[in-house]
Amino acid sequence: MFNDPKHEDKEPVPIMKRFLHGCLLALAGVVVLWLALQLLAKFWGWLLLLAAVAGLIYAASWFVRWRRDRRW
């Protein structure tokens, strides 16, 4: 792996180029997170409503099972 003849003639990547690539990657991450937050801000009410309905369905099914098991 480390003695691969294909990689022996390659020059090492300069540190400034690696730093630039890291900065561009961090910038892309910030932009993607910003877009995700903007999208979430538009739909958070619907997501909250969906979570509340799912919680009510779960609570109702738990209550029905609890009442059914309690009779026996």
Protein backbone atom coordinates (compact mmCIF):
# COMPACT_ATOMS: atom_id res chain seq x y z
CA MET A 1 0.00 0.00 0.00
CA PHE A 2 2.69 2.49 0.98
CA ASN A 3 5.24 1.15 -1.48
CA ASP A 4 2.92 1.44 -4.46
CA PRO A 5 5.05 2.27 -7.54
CA LYS A 6 2.21 4.33 -9.05
CA HIS A 7 2.44 6.89 -6.25
CA GLU A 8 6.23 7.15 -5.98
CA ASP A 9 6.60 9.67 -8.82
CA LYS A 10 3.81 11.97 -7.54
CA GLU A 11 4.78 15.16 -5.80
CA PRO A 12 3.24 15.85 -2.39
CA VAL A 13 0.36 18.31 -2.35
CA PRO A 14 1.47 21.74 -1.09
CA ILE A 15 0.09 22.77 2.27
CA MET A 16 -1.52 25.94 0.87
CA LYS A 17 -3.46 23.90 -1.68
CA ARG A 18 -4.66 21.55 1.05
CA PHE A 19 -5.61 24.58 3.19
CA LEU A 20 -7.54 26.11 0.28
CA HIS A 21 -9.41 22.84 -0.33
CA GLY A 22 -10.24 22.62 3.37
CA CYS A 23 -11.56 26.20 3.41
CA LEU A 24 -13.68 25.58 0.32
CA LEU A 25 -15.04 22.40 1.88
CA ALA A 26 -15.92 24.28 5.10
CA LEU A 27 -17.60 27.04 3.06
CA ALA A 28 -19.65 24.47 1.16
CA GLY A 29 -20.68 22.91 4.48
CA VAL A 30 -21.81 26.27 5.84
CA VAL A 31 -23.83 27.00 2.69
CA VAL A 32 -25.50 23.58 2.80
CA LEU A 33 -26.36 24.00 6.50
CA TRP A 34 -27.79 27.47 5.81
CA LEU A 35 -29.96 26.09 3.01
CA ALA A 36 -31.15 23.25 5.22
CA LEU A 37 -32.13 25.69 7.97
CA GLN A 38 -33.97 27.89 5.49
CA LEU A 39 -35.91 24.88 4.22
CA LEU A 40 -36.64 23.72 7.75
CA ALA A 41 -37.88 27.19 8.71
CA LYS A 42 -40.54 26.97 6.00
CA PHE A 43 -41.85 23.55 7.08
CA TRP A 44 -41.24 23.36 10.84
CA GLY A 45 -44.91 23.97 11.68
CA TRP A 46 -46.04 21.06 9.54
CA LEU A 47 -43.31 18.85 10.99
CA LEU A 48 -44.39 19.77 14.50
CA LEU A 49 -48.01 19.00 13.66
CA LEU A 50 -47.01 15.65 12.15
CA ALA A 51 -45.00 14.77 15.27
CA ALA A 52 -47.95 15.74 17.51
CA VAL A 53 -50.38 13.57 15.52
CA ALA A 54 -47.95 10.65 15.60
CA GLY A 55 -47.58 11.10 19.37
CA LEU A 56 -51.36 11.12 19.84
CA ILE A 57 -51.74 7.95 17.77
CA TYR A 58 -49.01 6.25 19.78
CA ALA A 59 -50.56 7.37 23.10
CA ALA A 60 -54.02 6.21 22.04
CA SER A 61 -52.76 2.79 20.96
CA TRP A 62 -50.81 2.43 24.21
CA PHE A 63 -53.92 3.36 26.22
CA VAL A 64 -56.12 0.89 24.32
CA ARG A 65 -53.59 -1.91 24.85
CA TRP A 66 -53.27 -1.02 28.53
CA ARG A 67 -57.06 -1.10 29.02
CA ARG A 68 -57.37 -4.38 27.12
CA ASP A 69 -54.62 -6.09 29.13
CA ARG A 70 -56.01 -4.76 32.40
CA ARG A 71 -59.36 -6.59 32.03
CA TRP A 72 -57.83 -10.05 32.14
